[in-house]
PDB file of N, CA and C in Angstrom:
ATOM      1  N   MET A   1      -6.548  16.145 -17.953  1.00  0.00           N
ATOM      2  CA  MET A   1      -5.386  15.068 -18.184  1.00  0.00           C
ATOM      3  C   MET A   1      -4.942  14.573 -16.674  1.00  0.00           C
ATOM      4  N   LEU A   2      -4.467  16.036 -15.781  1.00  0.00           N
ATOM      5  CA  LEU A   2      -3.861  15.479 -14.662  1.00  0.00           C
ATOM      6  C   LEU A   2      -4.477  14.502 -13.846  1.00  0.00           C
ATOM      7  N   LEU A   3      -5.744  15.037 -13.634  1.00  0.00           N
ATOM      8  CA  LEU A   3      -6.856  13.912 -12.957  1.00  0.00           C
ATOM      9  C   LEU A   3      -6.303  12.195 -13.071  1.00  0.00           C
ATOM     10  N   LEU A   4      -6.144  12.320 -14.812  1.00  0.00           N
ATOM     11  CA  LEU A   4      -6.382  10.865 -15.313  1.00  0.00           C
ATOM     12  C   LEU A   4      -4.940  10.734 -14.857  1.00  0.00           C
ATOM     13  N   LEU A   5      -3.786  11.048 -15.275  1.00  0.00           N
ATOM     14  CA  LEU A   5      -2.538  10.968 -14.875  1.00  0.00           C
ATOM     15  C   LEU A   5      -2.425  10.496 -13.027  1.00  0.00           C
ATOM     16  N   VAL A   6      -3.120  11.323 -12.086  1.00  0.00           N
ATOM     17  CA  VAL A   6      -3.098  10.858 -10.476  1.00  0.00           C
ATOM     18  C   VAL A   6      -3.646   9.762 -10.212  1.00  0.00           C
ATOM     19  N   CYS A   7      -4.980   9.562 -11.337  1.00  0.00           N
ATOM     20  CA  CYS A   7      -5.988   8.161 -10.987  1.00  0.00           C
ATOM     21  C   CYS A   7      -5.345   7.100 -11.338  1.00  0.00           C
ATOM     22  N   THR A   8      -4.394   7.146 -12.593  1.00  0.00           N
ATOM     23  CA  THR A   8      -3.763   5.922 -12.831  1.00  0.00           C
ATOM     24  C   THR A   8      -2.390   5.636 -12.237  1.00  0.00           C
ATOM     25  N   TYR A   9      -1.800   6.587 -11.470  1.00  0.00           N
ATOM     26  CA  TYR A   9      -0.684   6.361 -10.620  1.00  0.00           C
ATOM     27  C   TYR A   9      -1.439   5.826  -9.494  1.00  0.00           C
ATOM     28  N   TYR A  10      -2.514   6.323  -8.538  1.00  0.00           N
ATOM     29  CA  TYR A  10      -3.390   5.314  -7.636  1.00  0.00           C
ATOM     30  C   TYR A  10      -3.603   4.022  -7.703  1.00  0.00           C
ATOM     31  N   ILE A  11      -4.351   3.690  -9.183  1.00  0.00           N
ATOM     32  CA  ILE A  11      -4.399   2.482  -9.433  1.00  0.00           C
ATOM     33  C   ILE A  11      -3.130   1.667  -9.308  1.00  0.00           C
ATOM     34  N   MET A  12      -2.213   2.019 -10.090  1.00  0.00           N
ATOM     35  CA  MET A  12      -0.925   0.840 -10.574  1.00  0.00           C
ATOM     36  C   MET A  12       0.275   0.797  -8.994  1.00  0.00           C
ATOM     37  N   ILE A  13       0.064   1.895  -8.329  1.00  0.00           N
ATOM     38  CA  ILE A  13       0.918   1.833  -6.981  1.00  0.00           C
ATOM     39  C   ILE A  13      -0.069   0.881  -5.912  1.00  0.00           C
ATOM     40  N   ASN A  14      -1.067   1.246  -6.106  1.00  0.00           N
ATOM     41  CA  ASN A  14      -2.327   0.063  -5.201  1.00  0.00           C
ATOM     42  C   ASN A  14      -2.236  -1.492  -5.463  1.00  0.00           C
ATOM     43  N   VAL A  15      -2.374  -1.316  -6.957  1.00  0.00           N
ATOM     44  CA  VAL A  15      -2.237  -2.760  -7.295  1.00  0.00           C
ATOM     45  C   VAL A  15      -0.834  -3.536  -7.022  1.00  0.00           C
ATOM     46  N   ILE A  16       0.540  -2.536  -7.082  1.00  0.00           N
ATOM     47  CA  ILE A  16       1.925  -3.396  -6.700  1.00  0.00           C
ATOM     48  C   ILE A  16       1.325  -3.654  -5.489  1.00  0.00           C
ATOM     49  N   GLY A  17       1.385  -2.798  -4.219  1.00  0.00           N
ATOM     50  CA  GLY A  17       0.935  -3.022  -2.907  1.00  0.00           C
ATOM     51  C   GLY A  17      -0.039  -4.318  -2.811  1.00  0.00           C
ATOM     52  N   PHE A  18      -0.846  -4.457  -3.308  1.00  0.00           N
ATOM     53  CA  PHE A  18      -1.712  -5.752  -3.363  1.00  0.00           C
ATOM     54  C   PHE A  18      -0.591  -6.727  -3.406  1.00  0.00           C
ATOM     55  N   ALA A  19      -0.228  -6.769  -4.893  1.00  0.00           N
ATOM     56  CA  ALA A  19       0.876  -8.311  -5.265  1.00  0.00           C
ATOM     57  C   ALA A  19       2.025  -8.211  -4.500  1.00  0.00           C
ATOM     58  N   THR A  20       2.612  -7.236  -4.047  1.00  0.00           N
ATOM     59  CA  THR A  20       3.929  -7.306  -3.033  1.00  0.00           C
ATOM     60  C   THR A  20       3.485  -8.269  -1.694  1.00  0.00           C
ATOM     61  N   MET A  21       2.162  -7.871  -1.092  1.00  0.00           N
ATOM     62  CA  MET A  21       1.591  -8.922  -0.032  1.00  0.00           C
ATOM     63  C   MET A  21       1.546 -10.049  -0.573  1.00  0.00           C
ATOM     64  N   GLY A  22       0.878 -10.014  -1.727  1.00  0.00           N
ATOM     65  CA  GLY A  22       0.825 -11.767  -2.454  1.00  0.00           C
ATOM     66  C   GLY A  22       2.007 -12.485  -2.161  1.00  0.00           C
ATOM     67  N   ILE A  23       3.095 -11.812  -2.824  1.00  0.00           N
ATOM     68  CA  ILE A  23       4.322 -12.534  -3.451  1.00  0.00           C
ATOM     69  C   ILE A  23       5.301 -12.642  -2.240  1.00  0.00           C
ATOM     70  N   ASP A  24       5.398 -11.754  -1.267  1.00  0.00           N
ATOM     71  CA  ASP A  24       5.918 -12.324   0.249  1.00  0.00           C
ATOM     72  C   ASP A  24       5.434 -12.982   1.048  1.00  0.00           C
ATOM     73  N   LYS A  25       3.858 -12.994   1.200  1.00  0.00           N
ATOM     74  CA  LYS A  25       3.060 -14.041   1.503  1.00  0.00           C
ATOM     75  C   LYS A  25       3.637 -15.493   0.968  1.00  0.00           C
ATOM     76  N   ALA A  26       3.937 -15.794  -0.131  1.00  0.00           N
ATOM     77  CA  ALA A  26       4.064 -17.145  -0.778  1.00  0.00           C
ATOM     78  C   ALA A  26       5.292 -17.363  -0.778  1.00  0.00           C
ATOM     79  N   LYS A  27       6.330 -16.435  -0.826  1.00  0.00           N
ATOM     80  CA  LYS A  27       7.601 -16.532  -0.481  1.00  0.00           C
ATOM     81  C   LYS A  27       7.767 -16.903   0.844  1.00  0.00           C
ATOM     82  N   ALA A  28       7.011 -16.806   1.625  1.00  0.00           N
ATOM     83  CA  ALA A  28       7.452 -16.979   2.879  1.00  0.00           C
ATOM     84  C   ALA A  28       6.570 -18.730   3.582  1.00  0.00           C
ATOM     85  N   GLN A  29       5.943 -18.693   2.653  1.00  0.00           N
ATOM     86  CA  GLN A  29       5.451 -19.787   2.586  1.00  0.00           C
ATOM     87  C   GLN A  29       6.067 -21.426   2.375  1.00  0.00           C
ATOM     88  N   LYS A  30       6.797 -20.614   1.076  1.00  0.00           N
ATOM     89  CA  LYS A  30       8.275 -21.442   0.597  1.00  0.00           C
ATOM     90  C   LYS A  30       9.444 -21.370   1.120  1.00  0.00           C
ATOM     91  N   HIS A  31       9.824 -20.859   2.013  1.00  0.00           N
ATOM     92  CA  HIS A  31      10.779 -20.282   2.647  1.00  0.00           C
ATOM     93  C   HIS A  31      11.606 -20.152   1.865  1.00  0.00           C
ATOM     94  N   GLN A  32      11.293 -18.986   1.236  1.00  0.00           N
ATOM     95  CA  GLN A  32      12.404 -18.297   0.339  1.00  0.00           C
ATOM     96  C   GLN A  32      12.546 -16.891   0.836  1.00  0.00           C
ATOM     97  N   TRP A  33      13.374 -16.441  -0.603  1.00  0.00           N
ATOM     98  CA  TRP A  33      13.876 -14.859  -0.027  1.00  0.00           C
ATOM     99  C   TRP A  33      12.390 -14.116  -0.014  1.00  0.00           C
ATOM    100  N   ARG A  34      12.643 -12.897   0.854  1.00  0.00           N
ATOM    101  CA  ARG A  34      11.288 -12.409   1.079  1.00  0.00           C
ATOM    102  C   ARG A  34      11.518 -10.662   1.089  1.00  0.00           C
ATOM    103  N   ILE A  35      10.229 -10.507   0.657  1.00  0.00           N
ATOM    104  CA  ILE A  35      10.738  -8.850   0.355  1.00  0.00           C
ATOM    105  C   ILE A  35      11.411  -7.988   1.509  1.00  0.00           C
ATOM    106  N   PRO A  36      11.918  -7.100   1.570  1.00  0.00           N
ATOM    107  CA  PRO A  36      11.987  -6.341   3.080  1.00  0.00           C
ATOM    108  C   PRO A  36      10.365  -5.808   3.590  1.00  0.00           C
ATOM    109  N   GLU A  37      10.657  -5.646   4.940  1.00  0.00           N
ATOM    110  CA  GLU A  37       9.450  -5.127   5.605  1.00  0.00           C
ATOM    111  C   GLU A  37       9.309  -3.269   5.194  1.00  0.00           C
ATOM    112  N   ALA A  38      10.415  -2.977   4.812  1.00  0.00           N
ATOM    113  CA  ALA A  38      10.846  -1.170   5.038  1.00  0.00           C
ATOM    114  C   ALA A  38      10.276  -1.276   3.423  1.00  0.00           C
ATOM    115  N   THR A  39      10.397  -2.651   1.964  1.00  0.00           N
ATOM    116  CA  THR A  39       9.791  -2.240   1.119  1.00  0.00           C
ATOM    117  C   THR A  39       8.326  -2.188   1.020  1.00  0.00           C
ATOM    118  N   LEU A  40       8.098  -3.317   1.914  1.00  0.00           N
ATOM    119  CA  LEU A  40       6.229  -3.264   1.515  1.00  0.00           C
ATOM    120  C   LEU A  40       5.511  -1.722   2.346  1.00  0.00           C
ATOM    121  N   LEU A  41       6.104  -1.508   3.038  1.00  0.00           N
ATOM    122  CA  LEU A  41       5.722   0.085   3.939  1.00  0.00           C
ATOM    123  C   LEU A  41       6.221   0.910   3.057  1.00  0.00           C
ATOM    124  N   LEU A  42       7.493   0.994   2.068  1.00  0.00           N
ATOM    125  CA  LEU A  42       7.721   1.844   1.267  1.00  0.00           C
ATOM    126  C   LEU A  42       6.327   2.102   0.366  1.00  0.00           C
ATOM    127  N   CYS A  43       6.221   0.900  -0.269  1.00  0.00           N
ATOM    128  CA  CYS A  43       5.063   0.726  -1.150  1.00  0.00           C
ATOM    129  C   CYS A  43       3.723   1.695  -0.799  1.00  0.00           C
ATOM    130  N   ALA A  44       3.278   1.400   0.671  1.00  0.00           N
ATOM    131  CA  ALA A  44       1.982   2.059   1.444  1.00  0.00           C
ATOM    132  C   ALA A  44       2.525   3.382   1.570  1.00  0.00           C
ATOM    133  N   PHE A  45       3.210   3.810   1.652  1.00  0.00           N
ATOM    134  CA  PHE A  45       3.648   5.443   2.173  1.00  0.00           C
ATOM    135  C   PHE A  45       3.515   6.239   0.302  1.00  0.00           C
ATOM    136  N   LEU A  46       3.753   5.179  -0.631  1.00  0.00           N
ATOM    137  CA  LEU A  46       4.035   6.067  -2.100  1.00  0.00           C
ATOM    138  C   LEU A  46       2.414   5.856  -2.470  1.00  0.00           C
ATOM    139  N   GLY A  47       1.798   5.711  -1.977  1.00  0.00           N
ATOM    140  CA  GLY A  47       0.204   5.737  -2.279  1.00  0.00           C
ATOM    141  C   GLY A  47      -0.448   4.428  -2.659  1.00  0.00           C
ATOM    142  N   GLY A  48       0.055   3.481  -2.000  1.00  0.00           N
ATOM    143  CA  GLY A  48      -0.445   2.108  -2.297  1.00  0.00           C
ATOM    144  C   GLY A  48      -0.765   1.403  -1.000  1.00  0.00           C
ATOM    145  N   GLY A  49      -1.451   2.132  -0.008  1.00  0.00           N
ATOM    146  CA  GLY A  49      -2.020   1.516   1.702  1.00  0.00           C
ATOM    147  C   GLY A  49      -2.873   0.943   1.461  1.00  0.00           C
ATOM    148  N   ILE A  50      -3.950   1.466   0.369  1.00  0.00           N
ATOM    149  CA  ILE A  50      -4.886   0.711   0.107  1.00  0.00           C
ATOM    150  C   ILE A  50      -5.211  -0.799  -0.222  1.00  0.00           C
ATOM    151  N   GLY A  51      -3.894  -0.801  -1.294  1.00  0.00           N
ATOM    152  CA  GLY A  51      -3.559  -1.992  -1.697  1.00  0.00           C
ATOM    153  C   GLY A  51      -3.119  -2.915  -1.014  1.00  0.00           C
ATOM    154  N   SER A  52      -2.077  -2.372  -0.421  1.00  0.00           N
ATOM    155  CA  SER A  52      -1.346  -3.029   0.708  1.00  0.00           C
ATOM    156  C   SER A  52      -2.115  -3.538   2.299  1.00  0.00           C
ATOM    157  N   TRP A  53      -3.033  -2.893   2.180  1.00  0.00           N
ATOM    158  CA  TRP A  53      -4.176  -3.155   3.498  1.00  0.00           C
ATOM    159  C   TRP A  53      -5.171  -4.036   3.140  1.00  0.00           C
ATOM    160  N   ILE A  54      -5.687  -4.279   1.659  1.00  0.00           N
ATOM    161  CA  ILE A  54      -6.388  -5.394   1.137  1.00  0.00           C
ATOM    162  C   ILE A  54      -5.395  -6.460   0.946  1.00  0.00           C
ATOM    163  N   GLY A  55      -4.450  -6.312   0.412  1.00  0.00           N
ATOM    164  CA  GLY A  55      -3.695  -7.274   0.527  1.00  0.00           C
ATOM    165  C   GLY A  55      -3.097  -7.784   1.860  1.00  0.00           C
ATOM    166  N   MET A  56      -2.517  -7.304   3.018  1.00  0.00           N
ATOM    167  CA  MET A  56      -2.634  -7.657   4.252  1.00  0.00           C
ATOM    168  C   MET A  56      -3.805  -8.649   4.579  1.00  0.00           C
ATOM    169  N   HIS A  57      -5.320  -8.460   4.588  1.00  0.00           N
ATOM    170  CA  HIS A  57      -6.370  -9.381   5.175  1.00  0.00           C
ATOM    171  C   HIS A  57      -6.621 -10.121   4.343  1.00  0.00           C
ATOM    172  N   PHE A  58      -6.163  -9.885   2.661  1.00  0.00           N
ATOM    173  CA  PHE A  58      -6.950 -11.300   1.360  1.00  0.00           C
ATOM    174  C   PHE A  58      -5.438 -12.213   1.565  1.00  0.00           C
ATOM    175  N   PHE A  59      -4.644 -12.073   1.803  1.00  0.00           N
ATOM    176  CA  PHE A  59      -3.459 -13.115   1.902  1.00  0.00           C
ATOM    177  C   PHE A  59      -2.975 -13.157   3.683  1.00  0.00           C
ATOM    178  N   HIS A  60      -3.844 -12.914   4.374  1.00  0.00           N
ATOM    179  CA  HIS A  60      -3.739 -12.882   6.188  1.00  0.00           C
ATOM    180  C   HIS A  60      -1.875 -12.976   6.087  1.00  0.00           C
ATOM    181  N   HIS A  61      -1.692 -11.566   5.655  1.00  0.00           N
ATOM    182  CA  HIS A  61       0.041 -11.532   6.039  1.00  0.00           C
ATOM    183  C   HIS A  61       0.217 -10.329   6.831  1.00  0.00           C
ATOM    184  N   LYS A  62       1.017 -10.743   7.627  1.00  0.00           N
ATOM    185  CA  LYS A  62       1.433  -9.425   8.658  1.00  0.00           C
ATOM    186  C   LYS A  62       0.424  -8.913   9.195  1.00  0.00           C
ATOM    187  N   THR A  63      -0.599  -9.337   9.486  1.00  0.00           N
ATOM    188  CA  THR A  63      -1.608  -8.881   9.857  1.00  0.00           C
ATOM    189  C   THR A  63      -1.457  -8.265  11.690  1.00  0.00           C
ATOM    190  N   HIS A  64      -0.776  -9.418  12.047  1.00  0.00           N
ATOM    191  CA  HIS A  64      -0.366  -9.089  13.792  1.00  0.00           C
ATOM    192  C   HIS A  64       0.874  -8.319  13.996  1.00  0.00           C
ATOM    193  N   LYS A  65       1.431  -8.105  13.062  1.00  0.00           N
ATOM    194  CA  LYS A  65       2.618  -6.910  13.121  1.00  0.00           C
ATOM    195  C   LYS A  65       2.201  -5.764  13.685  1.00  0.00           C
ATOM    196  N   TRP A  66       2.904  -4.942  14.654  1.00  0.00           N
ATOM    197  CA  TRP A  66       2.105  -3.520  14.760  1.00  0.00           C
ATOM    198  C   TRP A  66       2.564  -2.682  14.085  1.00  0.00           C
ATOM    199  N   LYS A  67       3.859  -3.159  13.357  1.00  0.00           N
ATOM    200  CA  LYS A  67       4.385  -1.873  12.322  1.00  0.00           C
ATOM    201  C   LYS A  67       3.158  -1.700  11.375  1.00  0.00           C
ATOM    202  N   PHE A  68       2.497  -2.672  10.863  1.00  0.00           N
ATOM    203  CA  PHE A  68       2.029  -2.757   9.668  1.00  0.00           C
ATOM    204  C   PHE A  68       0.413  -2.579  10.167  1.00  0.00           C
ATOM    205  N   LYS A  69      -0.059  -3.108  11.468  1.00  0.00           N
ATOM    206  CA  LYS A  69      -1.235  -2.449  12.107  1.00  0.00           C
ATOM    207  C   LYS A  69      -1.522  -1.565  12.153  1.00  0.00           C
ATOM    208  N   ILE A  70      -0.448  -0.185  12.551  1.00  0.00           N
ATOM    209  CA  ILE A  70      -0.497   0.895  12.521  1.00  0.00           C
ATOM    210  C   ILE A  70       0.254   2.090  11.053  1.00  0.00           C
ATOM    211  N   LEU A  71       1.036   1.396  10.393  1.00  0.00           N
ATOM    212  CA  LEU A  71       1.412   2.011   9.348  1.00  0.00           C
ATOM    213  C   LEU A  71       0.587   2.222   8.043  1.00  0.00           C
ATOM    214  N   VAL A  72       0.311   1.114   8.016  1.00  0.00           N
ATOM    215  CA  VAL A  72      -0.020   0.765   6.498  1.00  0.00           C
ATOM    216  C   VAL A  72      -1.460   1.813   6.691  1.00  0.00           C
ATOM    217  N   PRO A  73      -2.605   1.875   8.059  1.00  0.00           N
ATOM    218  CA  PRO A  73      -3.812   2.731   8.274  1.00  0.00           C
ATOM    219  C   PRO A  73      -3.169   4.328   8.204  1.00  0.00           C
ATOM    220  N   LEU A  74      -1.951   4.415   8.596  1.00  0.00           N
ATOM    221  CA  LEU A  74      -1.703   5.882   8.254  1.00  0.00           C
ATOM    222  C   LEU A  74      -1.025   6.441   7.132  1.00  0.00           C
ATOM    223  N   ALA A  75      -0.555   5.354   6.640  1.00  0.00           N
ATOM    224  CA  ALA A  75      -0.135   5.881   5.041  1.00  0.00           C
ATOM    225  C   ALA A  75      -1.701   6.454   4.194  1.00  0.00           C
ATOM    226  N   ILE A  76      -2.545   5.191   4.852  1.00  0.00           N
ATOM    227  CA  ILE A  76      -4.093   5.612   3.569  1.00  0.00           C
ATOM    228  C   ILE A  76      -4.640   7.133   4.396  1.00  0.00           C
ATOM    229  N   ILE A  77      -4.524   7.110   5.665  1.00  0.00           N
ATOM    230  CA  ILE A  77      -5.005   8.297   5.953  1.00  0.00           C
ATOM    231  C   ILE A  77      -4.472   9.765   5.216  1.00  0.00           C
ATOM    232  N   LEU A  78      -2.838   9.279   5.555  1.00  0.00           N
ATOM    233  CA  LEU A  78      -2.130  10.789   4.930  1.00  0.00           C
ATOM    234  C   LEU A  78      -2.488  10.512   3.422  1.00  0.00           C
ATOM    235  N   HIS A  79      -2.557   9.774   2.499  1.00  0.00           N
ATOM    236  CA  HIS A  79      -2.598  10.202   1.297  1.00  0.00           C
ATOM    237  C   HIS A  79      -4.052  10.304   0.917  1.00  0.00           C
ATOM    238  N   VAL A  80      -5.073  10.082   1.701  1.00  0.00           N
ATOM    239  CA  VAL A  80      -6.592  10.387   1.514  1.00  0.00           C
ATOM    240  C   VAL A  80      -6.630  12.212   1.968  1.00  0.00           C
ATOM    241  N   GLY A  81      -6.092  12.604   2.864  1.00  0.00           N
ATOM    242  CA  GLY A  81      -5.629  13.947   3.106  1.00  0.00           C
ATOM    243  C   GLY A  81      -4.992  14.932   2.432  1.00  0.00           C
ATOM    244  N   LEU A  82      -3.925  14.421   1.837  1.00  0.00           N
ATOM    245  CA  LEU A  82      -3.330  14.641   0.939  1.00  0.00           C
ATOM    246  C   LEU A  82      -4.268  15.022  -0.486  1.00  0.00           C
ATOM    247  N   LEU A  83      -5.028  13.785  -0.902  1.00  0.00           N
ATOM    248  CA  LEU A  83      -5.612  14.504  -2.244  1.00  0.00           C
ATOM    249  C   LEU A  83      -6.649  15.296  -1.524  1.00  0.00           C
ATOM    250  N   PHE A  84      -7.709  15.137  -0.563  1.00  0.00           N
ATOM    251  CA  PHE A  84      -8.581  16.131  -0.434  1.00  0.00           C
ATOM    252  C   PHE A  84      -8.137  17.710  -0.106  1.00  0.00           C
ATOM    253  N   TYR A  85      -6.732  17.587   0.430  1.00  0.00           N
ATOM    254  CA  TYR A  85      -5.813  19.000   0.322  1.00  0.00           C
ATOM    255  C   TYR A  85      -5.701  19.381  -0.815  1.00  0.00           C
ATOM    256  N   LEU A  86      -5.159  18.391  -1.876  1.00  0.00           N
ATOM    257  CA  LEU A  86      -4.352  19.245  -3.209  1.00  0.00           C
ATOM    258  C   LEU A  86      -6.343  19.701  -4.354  1.00  0.00           C
ATOM    259  N   TYR A  87      -6.811  18.514  -3.640  1.00  0.00           N
ATOM    260  CA  TYR A  87      -8.373  18.815  -4.272  1.00  0.00           C
ATOM    261  C   TYR A  87      -8.786  20.200  -3.699  1.00  0.00           C
ATOM    262  N   ARG A  88      -9.011  20.322  -2.923  1.00  0.00           N
ATOM    263  CA  ARG A  88      -9.634  21.812  -2.536  1.00  0.00           C
ATOM    264  C   ARG A  88      -8.568  22.834  -2.386  1.00  0.00           C
ATOM    265  N   TYR A  89      -7.189  22.717  -2.653  1.00  0.00           N
ATOM    266  CA  TYR A  89      -6.320  24.020  -2.881  1.00  0.00           C
ATOM    267  C   TYR A  89      -6.318  24.311  -4.506  1.00  0.00           C
ATOM    268  N   PHE A  90      -6.500  23.134  -5.452  1.00  0.00           N
ATOM    269  CA  PHE A  90      -6.301  23.440  -6.368  1.00  0.00           C
ATOM    270  C   PHE A  90      -7.875  23.430  -7.744  1.00  0.00           C
ATOM    271  N   HIS A  91      -8.620  23.146  -7.074  1.00  0.00           N
ATOM    272  CA  HIS A  91      -9.980  23.046  -7.878  1.00  0.00           C
ATOM    273  C   HIS A  91     -10.548  24.538  -7.565  1.00  0.00           C
TER     274      HIS A  91
END
């Protein structure tokens, strides 16, 4: 049951990470209100790093900003490490 909840959470947060990149890119093209960079990065650090990274490259958005080039992969590494640690410790 716990595994199902964890998987569901990671799927949802990564879909949200992907979507926020797409929404922010569309708003940037229309010169509308933007999603703050801190919010985009927070989504990645809450577990949506893979979705955010895929969204960055799919939408060609924020791929040249150093913060995103470094912090989104770091968020992915942290969550993968956390998952391996939890699996090893609790399994």
